[in-house]
């Protein structure tokens, strides 16, 4: 189970109550910063925008590809390590709104991680150091260090030991 905090709501679905959850002005500011960062080709500028205006924790030499979409409401709950690649059009969510509740959870991505294009990372997930997430994956649970995962729903493809063996077999 993902590590999220659950909040029950009554009457209308939780998304109709969004601005009781988070300030309208915070969402507007985050929207403009994220849109600017999504289209800028300068990696260091993206990291600076995310750190400075969204209060995300982003490690050195982390690279966000074009169109990456961090959480617009709670980006400060996202921590990304050093030397990480976040692939094209990936979405990193720290919240999810449902009919009778909404959930908020931290997202932690370790060092030397690669996340393939068009992946979605759900709130409350931790991705361990040196992990690889294949393109188009739905990361709905924690990913152990050094593993290769992929799919929808996400499944373990190779363990860290299998990945090391495959890497050593490739050397000729």
N, C-alpha and C. Protein backbone atom coordinates (compact mmCIF):
# COMPACT_ATOMS: atom_id res chain seq x y z
N UNK A 1 0.84 -1.19 0.00
CA UNK A 1 0.00 0.00 0.00
C UNK A 1 0.88 1.25 0.00
N UNK A 2 0.52 2.23 -0.78
CA UNK A 2 1.26 3.47 -0.83
C UNK A 2 1.11 4.24 0.48
N UNK A 3 2.10 5.06 0.77
CA UNK A 3 2.12 5.82 2.02
C UNK A 3 1.46 7.19 1.80
N UNK A 4 0.13 7.23 1.91
CA UNK A 4 -0.61 8.48 1.74
C UNK A 4 -1.46 8.75 2.97
N UNK A 5 -1.76 10.02 3.16
CA UNK A 5 -2.69 10.41 4.21
C UNK A 5 -4.04 10.64 3.55
N UNK A 6 -5.09 10.06 4.12
CA UNK A 6 -6.42 10.10 3.53
C UNK A 6 -7.29 11.12 4.27
N UNK A 7 -8.06 11.87 3.48
CA UNK A 7 -8.97 12.88 4.02
C UNK A 7 -10.36 12.63 3.46
N UNK A 8 -11.32 12.34 4.32
CA UNK A 8 -12.70 12.10 3.89
C UNK A 8 -13.38 13.42 3.56
N UNK A 9 -14.30 13.39 2.61
CA UNK A 9 -15.11 14.56 2.26
C UNK A 9 -16.58 14.16 2.23
N UNK A 10 -17.43 15.15 2.35
CA UNK A 10 -18.86 14.92 2.28
C UNK A 10 -19.46 15.79 1.20
N UNK A 11 -20.67 15.49 0.82
CA UNK A 11 -21.41 16.20 -0.22
C UNK A 11 -20.80 15.92 -1.58
N UNK A 12 -20.32 16.95 -2.28
CA UNK A 12 -19.77 16.78 -3.63
C UNK A 12 -18.44 16.03 -3.58
N UNK A 13 -18.01 15.52 -4.75
CA UNK A 13 -16.73 14.82 -4.81
C UNK A 13 -15.59 15.75 -4.37
N UNK A 14 -14.49 15.15 -4.02
CA UNK A 14 -13.39 15.89 -3.40
C UNK A 14 -12.79 16.97 -4.31
N UNK A 15 -12.82 16.77 -5.61
CA UNK A 15 -12.25 17.78 -6.52
C UNK A 15 -13.06 19.07 -6.52
N UNK A 16 -14.35 18.97 -6.27
CA UNK A 16 -15.18 20.18 -6.16
C UNK A 16 -14.79 21.00 -4.93
N UNK A 17 -14.06 20.41 -4.02
CA UNK A 17 -13.65 21.09 -2.79
C UNK A 17 -12.17 21.43 -2.80
N UNK A 18 -11.60 21.49 -3.98
CA UNK A 18 -10.16 21.67 -4.16
C UNK A 18 -9.60 22.87 -3.40
N UNK A 19 -10.26 24.01 -3.48
CA UNK A 19 -9.68 25.22 -2.89
C UNK A 19 -9.90 25.31 -1.38
N UNK A 20 -10.53 24.29 -0.81
CA UNK A 20 -10.51 24.13 0.64
C UNK A 20 -9.29 23.32 1.05
N UNK A 21 -8.72 22.63 0.07
CA UNK A 21 -7.53 21.80 0.28
C UNK A 21 -6.25 22.61 0.10
N UNK A 22 -6.22 23.41 -0.95
CA UNK A 22 -5.02 24.15 -1.33
C UNK A 22 -5.45 25.52 -1.88
N UNK A 23 -4.65 26.52 -1.64
CA UNK A 23 -4.97 27.88 -2.06
C UNK A 23 -5.03 28.01 -3.58
N UNK A 24 -6.03 28.72 -4.06
CA UNK A 24 -6.17 29.03 -5.48
C UNK A 24 -4.91 29.72 -5.99
N UNK A 25 -4.37 30.67 -5.22
CA UNK A 25 -3.20 31.44 -5.66
C UNK A 25 -1.95 30.57 -5.75
N UNK A 26 -1.84 29.60 -4.84
CA UNK A 26 -0.70 28.66 -4.91
C UNK A 26 -0.80 27.83 -6.19
N UNK A 27 -1.98 27.34 -6.50
CA UNK A 27 -2.17 26.54 -7.71
C UNK A 27 -1.86 27.38 -8.95
N UNK A 28 -2.32 28.62 -8.98
CA UNK A 28 -2.06 29.49 -10.14
C UNK A 28 -0.56 29.74 -10.32
N UNK A 29 0.13 30.07 -9.22
CA UNK A 29 1.58 30.30 -9.29
C UNK A 29 2.28 29.03 -9.78
N UNK A 30 1.93 27.89 -9.20
CA UNK A 30 2.56 26.63 -9.59
C UNK A 30 2.28 26.31 -11.05
N UNK A 31 1.07 26.58 -11.51
CA UNK A 31 0.71 26.33 -12.91
C UNK A 31 1.65 27.08 -13.85
N UNK A 32 1.86 28.36 -13.60
CA UNK A 32 2.71 29.15 -14.49
C UNK A 32 4.17 28.71 -14.44
N UNK A 33 4.67 28.41 -13.25
CA UNK A 33 6.06 27.95 -13.11
C UNK A 33 6.24 26.60 -13.83
N UNK A 34 5.31 25.68 -13.62
CA UNK A 34 5.41 24.36 -14.25
C UNK A 34 5.34 24.48 -15.76
N UNK A 35 4.43 25.31 -16.27
CA UNK A 35 4.32 25.46 -17.73
C UNK A 35 5.60 26.05 -18.32
N UNK A 36 6.18 27.01 -17.64
CA UNK A 36 7.45 27.58 -18.09
C UNK A 36 8.54 26.49 -18.12
N UNK A 37 8.63 25.72 -17.04
CA UNK A 37 9.66 24.68 -16.94
C UNK A 37 9.42 23.56 -17.95
N UNK A 38 8.19 23.22 -18.22
CA UNK A 38 7.88 22.13 -19.16
C UNK A 38 8.45 22.40 -20.55
N UNK A 39 8.48 23.67 -20.93
CA UNK A 39 8.88 24.01 -22.29
C UNK A 39 10.32 24.52 -22.41
N UNK A 40 10.95 24.88 -21.30
CA UNK A 40 12.31 25.40 -21.41
C UNK A 40 13.28 24.27 -21.73
N UNK A 41 14.23 24.52 -22.64
CA UNK A 41 15.21 23.48 -22.97
C UNK A 41 16.40 23.46 -22.02
N UNK A 42 16.45 24.37 -21.06
CA UNK A 42 17.61 24.50 -20.18
C UNK A 42 17.40 23.71 -18.89
N UNK A 43 18.14 22.61 -18.74
CA UNK A 43 17.96 21.72 -17.60
C UNK A 43 18.23 22.42 -16.27
N UNK A 44 19.30 23.19 -16.20
CA UNK A 44 19.61 23.87 -14.93
C UNK A 44 18.55 24.90 -14.57
N UNK A 45 17.94 25.52 -15.58
CA UNK A 45 16.87 26.48 -15.31
C UNK A 45 15.63 25.77 -14.76
N UNK A 46 15.30 24.61 -15.30
CA UNK A 46 14.16 23.84 -14.79
C UNK A 46 14.38 23.51 -13.31
N UNK A 47 15.56 22.99 -12.99
CA UNK A 47 15.86 22.63 -11.61
C UNK A 47 15.77 23.85 -10.69
N UNK A 48 16.28 24.98 -11.15
CA UNK A 48 16.22 26.21 -10.37
C UNK A 48 14.76 26.64 -10.14
N UNK A 49 13.96 26.61 -11.17
CA UNK A 49 12.54 26.97 -11.04
C UNK A 49 11.84 26.06 -10.04
N UNK A 50 12.07 24.75 -10.17
CA UNK A 50 11.43 23.80 -9.26
C UNK A 50 11.87 24.00 -7.81
N UNK A 51 13.16 24.18 -7.60
CA UNK A 51 13.67 24.38 -6.24
C UNK A 51 13.20 25.70 -5.64
N UNK A 52 13.31 26.77 -6.42
CA UNK A 52 13.07 28.12 -5.92
C UNK A 52 11.60 28.42 -5.72
N UNK A 53 10.77 28.12 -6.70
CA UNK A 53 9.37 28.54 -6.66
C UNK A 53 8.40 27.46 -6.21
N UNK A 54 8.76 26.19 -6.40
CA UNK A 54 7.86 25.10 -6.03
C UNK A 54 8.30 24.38 -4.76
N UNK A 55 9.51 24.70 -4.28
CA UNK A 55 10.07 24.09 -3.06
C UNK A 55 10.24 22.56 -3.20
N UNK A 56 10.44 22.10 -4.44
CA UNK A 56 10.79 20.70 -4.65
C UNK A 56 12.24 20.50 -4.26
N UNK A 57 12.56 19.31 -3.80
CA UNK A 57 13.95 18.97 -3.52
C UNK A 57 14.48 18.22 -4.74
N UNK A 58 15.42 18.85 -5.44
CA UNK A 58 15.95 18.29 -6.68
C UNK A 58 17.47 18.23 -6.58
N UNK A 59 18.04 17.05 -6.76
CA UNK A 59 19.48 16.86 -6.66
C UNK A 59 20.23 17.39 -7.86
N UNK A 60 21.54 17.49 -7.69
CA UNK A 60 22.42 17.96 -8.77
C UNK A 60 22.37 17.01 -9.96
N UNK A 61 22.54 17.58 -11.15
CA UNK A 61 22.62 16.84 -12.41
C UNK A 61 21.36 16.03 -12.71
N UNK A 62 20.24 16.39 -12.08
CA UNK A 62 18.97 15.76 -12.42
C UNK A 62 18.44 16.42 -13.68
N UNK A 63 17.89 15.61 -14.59
CA UNK A 63 17.43 16.10 -15.89
C UNK A 63 15.95 15.78 -16.07
N UNK A 64 15.15 16.83 -16.20
CA UNK A 64 13.73 16.70 -16.52
C UNK A 64 13.58 16.92 -18.02
N UNK A 65 13.08 15.93 -18.73
CA UNK A 65 12.87 16.06 -20.17
C UNK A 65 11.71 17.03 -20.45
N UNK A 66 11.53 17.32 -21.70
CA UNK A 66 10.44 18.17 -22.14
C UNK A 66 9.10 17.61 -21.67
N UNK A 67 8.23 18.49 -21.22
CA UNK A 67 6.84 18.19 -20.88
C UNK A 67 6.63 17.39 -19.58
N UNK A 68 7.63 17.25 -18.74
CA UNK A 68 7.42 16.58 -17.46
C UNK A 68 6.45 17.42 -16.64
N UNK A 69 5.52 16.75 -15.94
CA UNK A 69 4.48 17.43 -15.18
C UNK A 69 4.55 17.04 -13.71
N UNK A 70 5.25 17.86 -12.88
CA UNK A 70 5.22 17.59 -11.44
C UNK A 70 3.87 18.01 -10.86
N UNK A 71 3.57 17.54 -9.70
CA UNK A 71 2.29 17.84 -9.04
C UNK A 71 2.07 19.34 -8.93
N UNK A 72 0.93 19.81 -9.37
CA UNK A 72 0.64 21.24 -9.40
C UNK A 72 0.17 21.77 -8.04
N UNK A 73 -0.35 20.89 -7.20
CA UNK A 73 -0.89 21.34 -5.92
C UNK A 73 0.08 21.17 -4.75
N UNK A 74 0.86 20.11 -4.77
CA UNK A 74 1.77 19.83 -3.66
C UNK A 74 3.17 19.45 -4.16
N UNK A 75 3.80 20.29 -4.98
CA UNK A 75 5.12 19.94 -5.51
C UNK A 75 6.18 19.84 -4.41
N UNK A 76 5.96 20.51 -3.30
CA UNK A 76 6.91 20.47 -2.20
C UNK A 76 7.01 19.08 -1.56
N UNK A 77 6.12 18.19 -1.92
CA UNK A 77 6.15 16.82 -1.40
C UNK A 77 6.95 15.88 -2.31
N UNK A 78 7.61 16.44 -3.32
CA UNK A 78 8.41 15.65 -4.25
C UNK A 78 9.89 15.85 -3.95
N UNK A 79 10.61 14.74 -3.79
CA UNK A 79 12.06 14.75 -3.58
C UNK A 79 12.70 13.87 -4.65
N UNK A 80 13.65 14.45 -5.38
CA UNK A 80 14.32 13.72 -6.45
C UNK A 80 15.82 13.81 -6.21
N UNK A 81 16.49 12.69 -6.27
CA UNK A 81 17.92 12.61 -5.97
C UNK A 81 18.81 13.18 -7.05
N UNK A 82 20.08 12.82 -6.97
CA UNK A 82 21.13 13.30 -7.86
C UNK A 82 21.25 12.40 -9.08
N UNK A 83 21.55 13.02 -10.23
CA UNK A 83 21.83 12.29 -11.47
C UNK A 83 20.64 11.43 -11.92
N UNK A 84 19.45 12.01 -11.87
CA UNK A 84 18.22 11.32 -12.24
C UNK A 84 17.77 11.82 -13.61
N UNK A 85 17.20 10.94 -14.41
CA UNK A 85 16.56 11.32 -15.66
C UNK A 85 15.07 11.04 -15.51
N UNK A 86 14.26 12.08 -15.74
CA UNK A 86 12.80 11.94 -15.75
C UNK A 86 12.37 12.14 -17.20
N UNK A 87 11.86 11.08 -17.81
CA UNK A 87 11.58 11.06 -19.24
C UNK A 87 10.41 11.92 -19.67
N UNK A 88 10.37 12.16 -20.97
CA UNK A 88 9.38 13.00 -21.64
C UNK A 88 7.96 12.70 -21.17
N UNK A 89 7.23 13.77 -20.85
CA UNK A 89 5.79 13.70 -20.55
C UNK A 89 5.46 12.85 -19.32
N UNK A 90 6.40 12.66 -18.43
CA UNK A 90 6.14 11.92 -17.19
C UNK A 90 5.36 12.80 -16.23
N UNK A 91 4.45 12.20 -15.48
CA UNK A 91 3.66 12.90 -14.47
C UNK A 91 4.05 12.37 -13.10
N UNK A 92 4.34 13.29 -12.17
CA UNK A 92 4.67 12.92 -10.79
C UNK A 92 3.60 13.53 -9.89
N UNK A 93 2.75 12.68 -9.31
CA UNK A 93 1.63 13.15 -8.49
C UNK A 93 1.92 12.98 -7.00
N UNK A 94 1.58 13.99 -6.23
CA UNK A 94 1.64 13.91 -4.77
C UNK A 94 0.24 13.95 -4.17
N UNK A 95 -0.76 14.00 -5.03
CA UNK A 95 -2.16 14.01 -4.57
C UNK A 95 -3.01 13.18 -5.52
N UNK A 96 -4.15 12.75 -5.02
CA UNK A 96 -5.18 12.15 -5.87
C UNK A 96 -6.54 12.41 -5.24
N UNK A 97 -7.45 12.88 -6.07
CA UNK A 97 -8.80 13.20 -5.62
C UNK A 97 -9.76 12.12 -6.09
N UNK A 98 -10.60 11.66 -5.17
CA UNK A 98 -11.60 10.64 -5.49
C UNK A 98 -12.98 11.16 -5.10
N UNK A 99 -13.97 10.30 -5.19
CA UNK A 99 -15.34 10.71 -4.88
C UNK A 99 -15.49 11.11 -3.41
N UNK A 100 -15.14 10.21 -2.51
CA UNK A 100 -15.39 10.43 -1.08
C UNK A 100 -14.16 10.83 -0.27
N UNK A 101 -13.02 10.95 -0.91
CA UNK A 101 -11.81 11.31 -0.18
C UNK A 101 -10.76 11.84 -1.15
N UNK A 102 -9.73 12.45 -0.58
CA UNK A 102 -8.53 12.76 -1.34
C UNK A 102 -7.36 12.27 -0.53
N UNK A 103 -6.25 12.01 -1.22
CA UNK A 103 -5.05 11.47 -0.58
C UNK A 103 -3.86 12.32 -0.98
N UNK A 104 -2.96 12.50 -0.01
CA UNK A 104 -1.73 13.25 -0.25
C UNK A 104 -0.58 12.40 0.28
N UNK A 105 0.51 12.32 -0.50
CA UNK A 105 1.66 11.55 -0.06
C UNK A 105 2.94 12.03 -0.70
N UNK A 106 4.03 11.85 0.01
CA UNK A 106 5.34 12.22 -0.52
C UNK A 106 5.75 11.26 -1.64
N UNK A 107 6.50 11.80 -2.58
CA UNK A 107 7.12 10.99 -3.63
C UNK A 107 8.62 11.17 -3.48
N UNK A 108 9.33 10.07 -3.34
CA UNK A 108 10.78 10.11 -3.19
C UNK A 108 11.42 9.27 -4.29
N UNK A 109 12.29 9.92 -5.05
CA UNK A 109 13.02 9.24 -6.13
C UNK A 109 14.50 9.30 -5.76
N UNK A 110 15.16 8.16 -5.69
CA UNK A 110 16.55 8.09 -5.25
C UNK A 110 17.54 8.63 -6.27
N UNK A 111 18.81 8.34 -6.04
CA UNK A 111 19.91 8.76 -6.91
C UNK A 111 20.08 7.79 -8.08
N UNK A 112 20.56 8.35 -9.22
CA UNK A 112 20.90 7.54 -10.40
C UNK A 112 19.72 6.70 -10.89
N UNK A 113 18.55 7.29 -10.88
CA UNK A 113 17.32 6.63 -11.32
C UNK A 113 17.00 7.09 -12.73
N UNK A 114 16.44 6.19 -13.54
CA UNK A 114 15.93 6.58 -14.84
C UNK A 114 14.46 6.23 -14.93
N UNK A 115 13.67 7.25 -15.27
CA UNK A 115 12.23 7.06 -15.43
C UNK A 115 11.92 7.29 -16.90
N UNK A 116 11.38 6.26 -17.56
CA UNK A 116 11.09 6.34 -18.98
C UNK A 116 9.94 7.27 -19.30
N UNK A 117 9.85 7.65 -20.55
CA UNK A 117 8.84 8.60 -21.04
C UNK A 117 7.42 8.10 -20.77
N UNK A 118 6.53 9.08 -20.59
CA UNK A 118 5.10 8.82 -20.44
C UNK A 118 4.75 7.94 -19.25
N UNK A 119 5.56 7.99 -18.21
CA UNK A 119 5.25 7.25 -16.98
C UNK A 119 4.43 8.13 -16.05
N UNK A 120 3.71 7.49 -15.15
CA UNK A 120 2.96 8.20 -14.12
C UNK A 120 3.37 7.63 -12.78
N UNK A 121 3.76 8.53 -11.87
CA UNK A 121 4.16 8.13 -10.52
C UNK A 121 3.09 8.63 -9.57
N UNK A 122 2.48 7.72 -8.83
CA UNK A 122 1.39 8.07 -7.92
C UNK A 122 1.92 8.51 -6.57
N UNK A 123 1.09 9.21 -5.79
CA UNK A 123 1.54 9.71 -4.48
C UNK A 123 1.88 8.58 -3.51
N UNK A 124 2.80 8.88 -2.60
CA UNK A 124 3.17 7.94 -1.56
C UNK A 124 4.14 6.86 -1.98
N UNK A 125 4.82 7.07 -3.12
CA UNK A 125 5.72 6.06 -3.68
C UNK A 125 7.17 6.45 -3.47
N UNK A 126 8.02 5.46 -3.21
CA UNK A 126 9.46 5.65 -3.16
C UNK A 126 10.10 4.79 -4.24
N UNK A 127 10.98 5.41 -5.02
CA UNK A 127 11.74 4.70 -6.06
C UNK A 127 13.19 4.68 -5.59
N UNK A 128 13.73 3.50 -5.38
CA UNK A 128 15.06 3.34 -4.82
C UNK A 128 16.18 3.76 -5.76
N UNK A 129 17.36 3.96 -5.18
CA UNK A 129 18.55 4.32 -5.95
C UNK A 129 18.79 3.31 -7.07
N UNK A 130 19.28 3.81 -8.22
CA UNK A 130 19.69 3.01 -9.36
C UNK A 130 18.55 2.23 -10.02
N UNK A 131 17.32 2.52 -9.68
CA UNK A 131 16.18 1.82 -10.30
C UNK A 131 15.93 2.37 -11.70
N UNK A 132 15.31 1.54 -12.52
CA UNK A 132 14.91 1.94 -13.86
C UNK A 132 13.42 1.64 -14.00
N UNK A 133 12.68 2.66 -14.44
CA UNK A 133 11.25 2.52 -14.70
C UNK A 133 11.06 2.62 -16.21
N UNK A 134 10.51 1.57 -16.82
CA UNK A 134 10.37 1.58 -18.28
C UNK A 134 9.31 2.59 -18.72
N UNK A 135 9.39 2.99 -19.96
CA UNK A 135 8.46 3.97 -20.52
C UNK A 135 7.02 3.47 -20.41
N UNK A 136 6.11 4.41 -20.14
CA UNK A 136 4.69 4.10 -20.10
C UNK A 136 4.23 3.36 -18.86
N UNK A 137 5.01 3.40 -17.80
CA UNK A 137 4.68 2.65 -16.59
C UNK A 137 3.79 3.45 -15.65
N UNK A 138 2.96 2.74 -14.90
CA UNK A 138 2.18 3.32 -13.82
C UNK A 138 2.83 2.85 -12.51
N UNK A 139 3.56 3.75 -11.86
CA UNK A 139 4.28 3.40 -10.63
C UNK A 139 3.29 3.58 -9.47
N UNK A 140 2.70 2.47 -9.04
CA UNK A 140 1.66 2.48 -8.02
C UNK A 140 2.11 1.88 -6.69
N UNK A 141 3.38 1.49 -6.63
CA UNK A 141 3.94 0.98 -5.38
C UNK A 141 5.44 1.25 -5.39
N UNK A 142 6.08 1.04 -4.25
CA UNK A 142 7.51 1.31 -4.13
C UNK A 142 8.32 0.44 -5.09
N UNK A 143 9.45 1.00 -5.53
CA UNK A 143 10.38 0.29 -6.41
C UNK A 143 11.67 0.07 -5.63
N UNK A 144 12.09 -1.18 -5.45
CA UNK A 144 13.33 -1.45 -4.72
C UNK A 144 14.56 -0.92 -5.46
N UNK A 145 15.63 -0.68 -4.71
CA UNK A 145 16.89 -0.20 -5.28
C UNK A 145 17.38 -1.13 -6.38
N UNK A 146 17.90 -0.54 -7.45
CA UNK A 146 18.57 -1.30 -8.49
C UNK A 146 17.69 -2.13 -9.39
N UNK A 147 16.38 -2.12 -9.18
CA UNK A 147 15.48 -2.96 -9.97
C UNK A 147 15.04 -2.28 -11.25
N UNK A 148 14.61 -3.11 -12.18
CA UNK A 148 14.02 -2.65 -13.44
C UNK A 148 12.56 -3.04 -13.39
N UNK A 149 11.66 -2.03 -13.49
CA UNK A 149 10.23 -2.28 -13.41
C UNK A 149 9.54 -1.66 -14.61
N UNK A 150 8.33 -2.12 -14.88
CA UNK A 150 7.59 -1.51 -15.98
C UNK A 150 6.20 -2.08 -16.10
N UNK A 151 5.39 -1.38 -16.90
CA UNK A 151 4.06 -1.86 -17.23
C UNK A 151 2.96 -1.10 -16.51
N UNK A 152 1.75 -1.49 -16.86
CA UNK A 152 0.55 -0.94 -16.24
C UNK A 152 -0.42 -2.10 -16.05
N UNK A 153 -0.51 -2.64 -14.83
CA UNK A 153 0.16 -2.17 -13.63
C UNK A 153 1.64 -2.54 -13.63
N UNK A 154 2.42 -1.73 -12.91
CA UNK A 154 3.86 -1.93 -12.84
C UNK A 154 4.18 -3.29 -12.23
N UNK A 155 5.17 -3.94 -12.84
CA UNK A 155 5.65 -5.23 -12.33
C UNK A 155 7.16 -5.22 -12.32
N UNK A 156 7.73 -6.04 -11.46
CA UNK A 156 9.18 -6.23 -11.43
C UNK A 156 9.59 -7.01 -12.66
N UNK A 157 10.54 -6.47 -13.41
CA UNK A 157 11.06 -7.15 -14.59
C UNK A 157 12.38 -7.84 -14.26
N UNK A 158 13.31 -7.09 -13.64
CA UNK A 158 14.58 -7.66 -13.20
C UNK A 158 14.91 -7.14 -11.81
N UNK A 159 15.44 -8.02 -10.96
CA UNK A 159 15.93 -7.60 -9.65
C UNK A 159 17.29 -6.93 -9.83
N UNK A 160 17.81 -6.35 -8.77
CA UNK A 160 19.13 -5.73 -8.83
C UNK A 160 20.19 -6.75 -9.24
N UNK A 161 20.12 -7.96 -8.69
CA UNK A 161 21.10 -9.00 -9.01
C UNK A 161 21.02 -9.39 -10.48
N UNK A 162 19.80 -9.53 -11.00
CA UNK A 162 19.63 -9.87 -12.42
C UNK A 162 20.13 -8.75 -13.32
N UNK A 163 19.91 -7.51 -12.90
CA UNK A 163 20.40 -6.37 -13.67
C UNK A 163 21.92 -6.36 -13.72
N UNK A 164 22.57 -6.65 -12.57
CA UNK A 164 24.03 -6.68 -12.52
C UNK A 164 24.58 -7.80 -13.42
N UNK A 165 23.92 -8.96 -13.39
CA UNK A 165 24.35 -10.07 -14.23
C UNK A 165 24.20 -9.70 -15.71
N UNK A 166 23.10 -9.10 -16.08
CA UNK A 166 22.89 -8.69 -17.48
C UNK A 166 23.94 -7.67 -17.90
N UNK A 167 24.30 -6.75 -17.01
CA UNK A 167 25.32 -5.74 -17.32
C UNK A 167 26.68 -6.37 -17.53
N UNK A 168 27.04 -7.35 -16.68
CA UNK A 168 28.34 -8.00 -16.80
C UNK A 168 28.38 -8.90 -18.04
N UNK A 169 27.24 -9.48 -18.44
CA UNK A 169 27.17 -10.31 -19.65
C UNK A 169 27.35 -9.48 -20.91
N UNK A 170 27.03 -8.19 -20.84
CA UNK A 170 27.13 -7.33 -22.01
C UNK A 170 28.57 -6.90 -22.32
N UNK A 171 29.46 -7.08 -21.37
CA UNK A 171 30.86 -6.69 -21.57
C UNK A 171 31.56 -7.78 -22.39
N UNK A 172 32.24 -7.37 -23.46
CA UNK A 172 32.89 -8.39 -24.30
C UNK A 172 34.35 -8.24 -24.34
